[in-house]
Protein backbone atom coordinates (compact mmCIF):
# COMPACT_ATOMS: atom_id res chain seq x y z
CA UNK A 1 -14.57 -36.82 38.14
CA UNK A 2 -13.17 -33.16 39.30
CA UNK A 3 -10.31 -33.60 40.84
CA UNK A 4 -8.56 -30.91 43.50
CA UNK A 5 -4.92 -29.33 44.51
CA UNK A 6 -5.87 -27.13 47.66
CA UNK A 7 -3.35 -24.51 47.62
CA UNK A 8 -1.68 -23.93 51.58
CA UNK A 9 -3.85 -21.72 53.52
CA UNK A 10 -6.79 -22.14 51.34
CA UNK A 11 -7.85 -25.82 52.72
CA UNK A 12 -7.57 -27.58 55.44
CA UNK A 13 -7.75 -31.55 56.51
CA UNK A 14 -9.97 -33.18 59.16
CA UNK A 15 -7.04 -35.52 60.31
CA UNK A 16 -8.70 -36.30 63.65
CA UNK A 17 -9.11 -33.98 66.89
CA UNK A 18 -5.34 -32.30 67.43
CA UNK A 19 -6.97 -30.67 63.50
CA UNK A 20 -10.26 -29.55 64.31
CA UNK A 21 -8.84 -25.63 65.54
CA UNK A 22 -7.49 -25.47 61.74
CA UNK A 23 -10.04 -26.50 59.96
CA UNK A 24 -12.99 -24.54 62.20
CA UNK A 25 -10.23 -21.19 62.02
CA UNK A 26 -10.14 -21.66 57.90
CA UNK A 27 -14.60 -22.35 57.84
CA UNK A 28 -15.32 -19.43 60.26
CA UNK A 29 -12.84 -17.34 58.24
CA UNK A 30 -15.20 -17.31 55.22
CA UNK A 31 -18.53 -18.13 56.62
CA UNK A 32 -17.60 -16.48 60.72
CA UNK A 33 -22.05 -16.82 61.59
CA UNK A 34 -22.03 -20.90 62.06
CA UNK A 35 -20.89 -22.71 64.56
CA UNK A 36 -19.24 -26.33 65.14
CA UNK A 37 -19.12 -29.19 67.09
CA UNK A 38 -17.20 -32.44 67.31
CA UNK A 39 -18.08 -35.81 67.99
CA UNK A 40 -15.07 -38.09 68.86
CA UNK A 41 -17.01 -41.04 68.98
CA UNK A 42 -17.07 -40.63 65.65
CA UNK A 43 -14.65 -38.15 64.35
CA UNK A 44 -16.93 -35.95 62.80
CA UNK A 45 -16.55 -31.97 62.64
CA UNK A 46 -20.18 -30.81 62.43
CA UNK A 47 -20.65 -26.43 60.82
CA UNK A 48 -24.12 -25.16 60.97
CA UNK A 49 -26.00 -22.54 60.96
CA UNK A 50 -27.86 -19.74 58.09
CA UNK A 51 -29.44 -23.15 56.91
CA UNK A 52 -25.86 -24.19 56.05
CA UNK A 53 -24.44 -27.85 57.18
CA UNK A 54 -21.46 -29.14 56.30
CA UNK A 55 -20.24 -32.51 58.05
CA UNK A 56 -16.51 -33.70 57.89
CA UNK A 57 -15.76 -36.89 58.40
CA UNK A 58 -11.70 -38.10 59.12
CA UNK A 59 -9.64 -37.55 56.34
CA UNK A 60 -11.82 -34.83 54.01
CA UNK A 61 -11.53 -31.68 53.01
CA UNK A 62 -12.86 -28.27 53.75
CA UNK A 63 -11.42 -26.41 50.70
CA UNK A 64 -11.97 -22.75 50.14
CA UNK A 65 -13.60 -22.56 45.81
CA UNK A 66 -14.92 -18.35 45.18
CA UNK A 67 -15.26 -17.27 48.31
CA UNK A 68 -17.25 -20.36 49.96
CA UNK A 69 -16.71 -23.38 51.59
CA UNK A 70 -16.78 -26.67 49.73
CA UNK A 71 -16.16 -30.32 51.87
CA UNK A 72 -14.45 -33.05 49.34
CA UNK A 73 -13.99 -36.20 50.21
CA UNK A 74 -10.19 -37.38 50.03
CA UNK A 75 -10.92 -40.00 47.21
CA UNK A 76 -11.59 -36.25 45.07
CA UNK A 77 -7.73 -35.15 45.86
CA UNK A 78 -4.96 -35.41 43.77
CA UNK A 79 -1.98 -36.60 44.91
CA UNK A 80 1.49 -35.38 44.76
CA UNK A 81 2.10 -37.66 41.34
CA UNK A 82 -1.02 -36.43 39.86
CA UNK A 83 0.18 -33.23 39.83
CA UNK A 84 1.79 -32.20 37.01
CA UNK A 85 5.89 -31.43 36.85
CA UNK A 86 7.00 -27.55 36.49
C-alpha cells in the first residue's frame, strides 16, 4: 500500500470544524469551481461540482498531487518515525 508524505502548504488535514476553512482554501485553490459544505453531525466535509465529489471524514487529508486534489485516509500517511533520516 503506498504511503504519502505531505509537504507543507500542499496538504491539509480535516481535524474538525476548526480546520474546515484551511482545507477548503487548499481545495479551492486547485479546483476553484467546487462548492463545499460541512456536516457537524458526522464531521464530514464535502466538495462538489463539475462532476466531482470529494468527501473528507475527520482525520482525512486533502493532498495536492499533479495539481489535482486527492483524499487520503490517515492510515496511508507516513508518520515521522517512518521517514528516512537525512
